[in-house]
């Protein structure tokens, strides 16, 4: 795509993705053809995908919650809750770890190290070694 996204377009796409709007509807809202809309949506999706270690705020049953992403799944993340930054009434309802859909993330934040960080294990994504590559051969045992 040769044209850059404006801040208004980026904001609209992000908002609609979080709401679960279909890709064709987003393209229509942007007033572009479907293929161009898909390119624009993919560019924004890559930019808003969270990473392990990101600190986020999200809503759970209308309560504001804060935590750190410890593992990424396809459309959601495992989040360790920061109870000092979250609604304490929720502590009886949810565990210290919970699953948060990407669309439910409200904001990415910056916090100093928290008490919970001492026990948090950031789970990196597994390394895949394809058969027939040097890395695969180094990690497989011969009989």
C-alpha atoms as a PDB file:
ATOM      1  CA  UNK A   1       0.000   0.000   0.000  1.00  0.00           C
ATOM      2  CA  UNK A   2       1.586   3.223  -1.165  1.00  0.00           C
ATOM      3  CA  UNK A   3      -0.629   5.585   0.816  1.00  0.00           C
ATOM      4  CA  UNK A   4      -0.061   6.127   4.539  1.00  0.00           C
ATOM      5  CA  UNK A   5      -2.920   5.816   6.983  1.00  0.00           C
ATOM      6  CA  UNK A   6      -4.118   9.040   8.542  1.00  0.00           C
ATOM      7  CA  UNK A   7      -4.493   9.185  12.322  1.00  0.00           C
ATOM      8  CA  UNK A   8      -8.275   9.402  11.849  1.00  0.00           C
ATOM      9  CA  UNK A   9      -8.322   6.248   9.681  1.00  0.00           C
ATOM     10  CA  UNK A  10      -6.068   4.376  12.119  1.00  0.00           C
ATOM     11  CA  UNK A  11      -8.294   5.376  15.046  1.00  0.00           C
ATOM     12  CA  UNK A  12     -11.465   4.329  13.203  1.00  0.00           C
ATOM     13  CA  UNK A  13     -10.019   0.930  12.251  1.00  0.00           C
ATOM     14  CA  UNK A  14      -8.755   0.260  15.777  1.00  0.00           C
ATOM     15  CA  UNK A  15     -12.099   1.236  17.323  1.00  0.00           C
ATOM     16  CA  UNK A  16     -14.091  -0.913  14.901  1.00  0.00           C
ATOM     17  CA  UNK A  17     -11.754  -3.908  15.306  1.00  0.00           C
ATOM     18  CA  UNK A  18     -12.211  -3.740  19.073  1.00  0.00           C
ATOM     19  CA  UNK A  19     -15.982  -3.681  18.557  1.00  0.00           C
ATOM     20  CA  UNK A  20     -15.811  -6.758  16.318  1.00  0.00           C
ATOM     21  CA  UNK A  21     -16.997  -4.993  13.160  1.00  0.00           C
ATOM     22  CA  UNK A  22     -16.636  -7.010   9.939  1.00  0.00           C
ATOM     23  CA  UNK A  23     -13.798  -6.170   7.552  1.00  0.00           C
ATOM     24  CA  UNK A  24     -16.216  -5.306   4.747  1.00  0.00           C
ATOM     25  CA  UNK A  25     -18.055  -2.865   7.026  1.00  0.00           C
ATOM     26  CA  UNK A  26     -14.767  -1.226   8.050  1.00  0.00           C
ATOM     27  CA  UNK A  27     -13.811  -0.834   4.369  1.00  0.00           C
ATOM     28  CA  UNK A  28     -17.203   0.760   3.754  1.00  0.00           C
ATOM     29  CA  UNK A  29     -16.726   3.161   6.688  1.00  0.00           C
ATOM     30  CA  UNK A  30     -13.315   4.113   5.266  1.00  0.00           C
ATOM     31  CA  UNK A  31     -14.919   4.634   1.841  1.00  0.00           C
ATOM     32  CA  UNK A  32     -12.389   2.354   0.106  1.00  0.00           C
ATOM     33  CA  UNK A  33     -12.722  -0.885  -1.858  1.00  0.00           C
ATOM     34  CA  UNK A  34     -12.562  -4.168   0.066  1.00  0.00           C
ATOM     35  CA  UNK A  35      -8.993  -5.124  -0.945  1.00  0.00           C
ATOM     36  CA  UNK A  36      -7.600  -1.717   0.030  1.00  0.00           C
ATOM     37  CA  UNK A  37      -9.574  -1.922   3.273  1.00  0.00           C
ATOM     38  CA  UNK A  38      -8.006  -5.326   4.049  1.00  0.00           C
ATOM     39  CA  UNK A  39      -4.505  -3.896   3.570  1.00  0.00           C
ATOM     40  CA  UNK A  40      -5.313  -0.984   5.869  1.00  0.00           C
ATOM     41  CA  UNK A  41      -6.853  -3.287   8.500  1.00  0.00           C
ATOM     42  CA  UNK A  42      -3.834  -5.625   8.455  1.00  0.00           C
ATOM     43  CA  UNK A  43      -1.451  -2.673   8.892  1.00  0.00           C
ATOM     44  CA  UNK A  44      -3.381  -1.515  11.976  1.00  0.00           C
ATOM     45  CA  UNK A  45      -3.710  -5.063  13.375  1.00  0.00           C
ATOM     46  CA  UNK A  46       0.061  -5.502  13.294  1.00  0.00           C
ATOM     47  CA  UNK A  47       0.558  -2.149  15.024  1.00  0.00           C
ATOM     48  CA  UNK A  48      -1.904  -2.867  17.863  1.00  0.00           C
ATOM     49  CA  UNK A  49      -0.963  -6.488  18.580  1.00  0.00           C
ATOM     50  CA  UNK A  50       0.314  -6.603  22.154  1.00  0.00           C
ATOM     51  CA  UNK A  51       3.582  -8.216  23.197  1.00  0.00           C
ATOM     52  CA  UNK A  52       4.634 -10.310  26.187  1.00  0.00           C
ATOM     53  CA  UNK A  53       5.526  -7.967  29.034  1.00  0.00           C
ATOM     54  CA  UNK A  54       3.144  -5.175  27.952  1.00  0.00           C
ATOM     55  CA  UNK A  55       1.241  -3.619  30.837  1.00  0.00           C
ATOM     56  CA  UNK A  56      -2.403  -3.025  30.005  1.00  0.00           C
ATOM     57  CA  UNK A  57      -5.696  -1.771  31.361  1.00  0.00           C
ATOM     58  CA  UNK A  58      -8.923  -3.576  30.535  1.00  0.00           C
ATOM     59  CA  UNK A  59     -12.510  -3.825  31.726  1.00  0.00           C
ATOM     60  CA  UNK A  60     -13.966  -6.870  33.459  1.00  0.00           C
ATOM     61  CA  UNK A  61     -17.650  -6.666  34.414  1.00  0.00           C
ATOM     62  CA  UNK A  62     -17.477  -2.874  34.186  1.00  0.00           C
ATOM     63  CA  UNK A  63     -14.539  -2.750  36.620  1.00  0.00           C
ATOM     64  CA  UNK A  64     -11.221  -1.240  35.633  1.00  0.00           C
ATOM     65  CA  UNK A  65      -8.374  -3.757  35.806  1.00  0.00           C
ATOM     66  CA  UNK A  66      -4.612  -3.536  35.211  1.00  0.00           C
ATOM     67  CA  UNK A  67      -2.068  -6.262  34.548  1.00  0.00           C
ATOM     68  CA  UNK A  68       0.928  -7.549  32.611  1.00  0.00           C
ATOM     69  CA  UNK A  69       0.732  -9.877  29.608  1.00  0.00           C
ATOM     70  CA  UNK A  70       2.557 -13.122  30.374  1.00  0.00           C
ATOM     71  CA  UNK A  71       1.566 -15.197  27.333  1.00  0.00           C
ATOM     72  CA  UNK A  72       0.018 -14.482  23.936  1.00  0.00           C
ATOM     73  CA  UNK A  73      -2.673 -16.628  22.387  1.00  0.00           C
ATOM     74  CA  UNK A  74      -4.159 -16.147  18.909  1.00  0.00           C
ATOM     75  CA  UNK A  75      -6.730 -13.433  19.793  1.00  0.00           C
ATOM     76  CA  UNK A  76      -6.192 -13.084  23.516  1.00  0.00           C
ATOM     77  CA  UNK A  77      -3.526 -12.954  26.189  1.00  0.00           C
ATOM     78  CA  UNK A  78      -2.876 -14.421  29.618  1.00  0.00           C
ATOM     79  CA  UNK A  79      -2.657 -11.470  32.017  1.00  0.00           C
ATOM     80  CA  UNK A  80      -1.296 -11.404  35.576  1.00  0.00           C
ATOM     81  CA  UNK A  81      -3.471  -8.935  37.514  1.00  0.00           C
ATOM     82  CA  UNK A  82      -1.897  -5.982  39.338  1.00  0.00           C
ATOM     83  CA  UNK A  83      -4.237  -5.829  42.348  1.00  0.00           C
ATOM     84  CA  UNK A  84      -2.847  -2.531  43.667  1.00  0.00           C
ATOM     85  CA  UNK A  85      -3.878  -0.908  40.361  1.00  0.00           C
ATOM     86  CA  UNK A  86      -7.179  -2.805  39.933  1.00  0.00           C
ATOM     87  CA  UNK A  87     -10.639  -2.920  41.493  1.00  0.00           C
ATOM     88  CA  UNK A  88     -10.115  -4.979  44.681  1.00  0.00           C
ATOM     89  CA  UNK A  89     -13.774  -6.084  44.730  1.00  0.00           C
ATOM     90  CA  UNK A  90     -12.923  -8.268  41.704  1.00  0.00           C
ATOM     91  CA  UNK A  91     -10.354 -10.235  43.724  1.00  0.00           C
ATOM     92  CA  UNK A  92     -13.101 -12.566  44.990  1.00  0.00           C
ATOM     93  CA  UNK A  93     -14.371 -13.169  41.458  1.00  0.00           C
ATOM     94  CA  UNK A  94     -11.272 -13.776  39.342  1.00  0.00           C
ATOM     95  CA  UNK A  95      -7.922 -15.466  39.836  1.00  0.00           C
ATOM     96  CA  UNK A  96      -4.579 -13.671  39.820  1.00  0.00           C
ATOM     97  CA  UNK A  97      -4.271 -14.659  36.148  1.00  0.00           C
ATOM     98  CA  UNK A  98      -7.002 -14.221  33.576  1.00  0.00           C
ATOM     99  CA  UNK A  99      -7.522 -14.351  29.822  1.00  0.00           C
ATOM    100  CA  UNK A 100      -8.156 -11.003  28.127  1.00  0.00           C
ATOM    101  CA  UNK A 101      -9.335 -10.726  24.527  1.00  0.00           C
ATOM    102  CA  UNK A 102      -7.317  -8.232  22.477  1.00  0.00           C
ATOM    103  CA  UNK A 103     -10.503  -6.304  21.734  1.00  0.00           C
ATOM    104  CA  UNK A 104     -11.054  -5.765  25.489  1.00  0.00           C
ATOM    105  CA  UNK A 105      -7.692  -4.026  25.999  1.00  0.00           C
ATOM    106  CA  UNK A 106      -8.363  -0.379  26.724  1.00  0.00           C
ATOM    107  CA  UNK A 107      -4.846   0.999  26.898  1.00  0.00           C
ATOM    108  CA  UNK A 108      -1.166   0.133  27.060  1.00  0.00           C
ATOM    109  CA  UNK A 109       0.395   1.758  30.112  1.00  0.00           C
ATOM    110  CA  UNK A 110       3.749   2.334  31.745  1.00  0.00           C
ATOM    111  CA  UNK A 111       4.146   1.419  35.414  1.00  0.00           C
ATOM    112  CA  UNK A 112       7.130   1.042  37.702  1.00  0.00           C
ATOM    113  CA  UNK A 113       7.861  -2.558  38.769  1.00  0.00           C
ATOM    114  CA  UNK A 114       4.997  -3.964  40.834  1.00  0.00           C
ATOM    115  CA  UNK A 115       4.969  -6.356  43.801  1.00  0.00           C
ATOM    116  CA  UNK A 116       3.415  -9.052  41.588  1.00  0.00           C
ATOM    117  CA  UNK A 117       6.361  -8.853  39.147  1.00  0.00           C
ATOM    118  CA  UNK A 118       8.498 -10.880  41.573  1.00  0.00           C
ATOM    119  CA  UNK A 119       6.385 -13.950  40.826  1.00  0.00           C
ATOM    120  CA  UNK A 120       5.497 -13.315  37.169  1.00  0.00           C
ATOM    121  CA  UNK A 121       6.923 -15.680  34.599  1.00  0.00           C
ATOM    122  CA  UNK A 122       6.845 -14.248  31.096  1.00  0.00           C
ATOM    123  CA  UNK A 123       6.136 -17.203  28.821  1.00  0.00           C
ATOM    124  CA  UNK A 124       7.996 -16.715  25.538  1.00  0.00           C
ATOM    125  CA  UNK A 125       6.580 -18.208  22.389  1.00  0.00           C
ATOM    126  CA  UNK A 126       8.045 -21.612  21.504  1.00  0.00           C
ATOM    127  CA  UNK A 127      10.842 -21.796  18.943  1.00  0.00           C
ATOM    128  CA  UNK A 128       9.879 -23.893  15.949  1.00  0.00           C
ATOM    129  CA  UNK A 129      12.631 -25.808  14.178  1.00  0.00           C
ATOM    130  CA  UNK A 130      11.571 -27.000  10.729  1.00  0.00           C
ATOM    131  CA  UNK A 131      12.623 -30.468   9.599  1.00  0.00           C
ATOM    132  CA  UNK A 132      15.512 -30.337   7.154  1.00  0.00           C
ATOM    133  CA  UNK A 133      17.019 -27.132   8.579  1.00  0.00           C
ATOM    134  CA  UNK A 134      20.329 -26.858  10.389  1.00  0.00           C
ATOM    135  CA  UNK A 135      18.582 -25.928  13.665  1.00  0.00           C
ATOM    136  CA  UNK A 136      16.310 -28.979  13.455  1.00  0.00           C
ATOM    137  CA  UNK A 137      19.231 -31.322  12.831  1.00  0.00           C
ATOM    138  CA  UNK A 138      21.130 -29.882  15.828  1.00  0.00           C
ATOM    139  CA  UNK A 139      18.192 -30.523  18.194  1.00  0.00           C
ATOM    140  CA  UNK A 140      17.226 -34.014  17.096  1.00  0.00           C
ATOM    141  CA  UNK A 141      18.926 -37.117  18.369  1.00  0.00           C
ATOM    142  CA  UNK A 142      20.187 -39.826  16.087  1.00  0.00           C
ATOM    143  CA  UNK A 143      19.693 -43.492  17.062  1.00  0.00           C
END
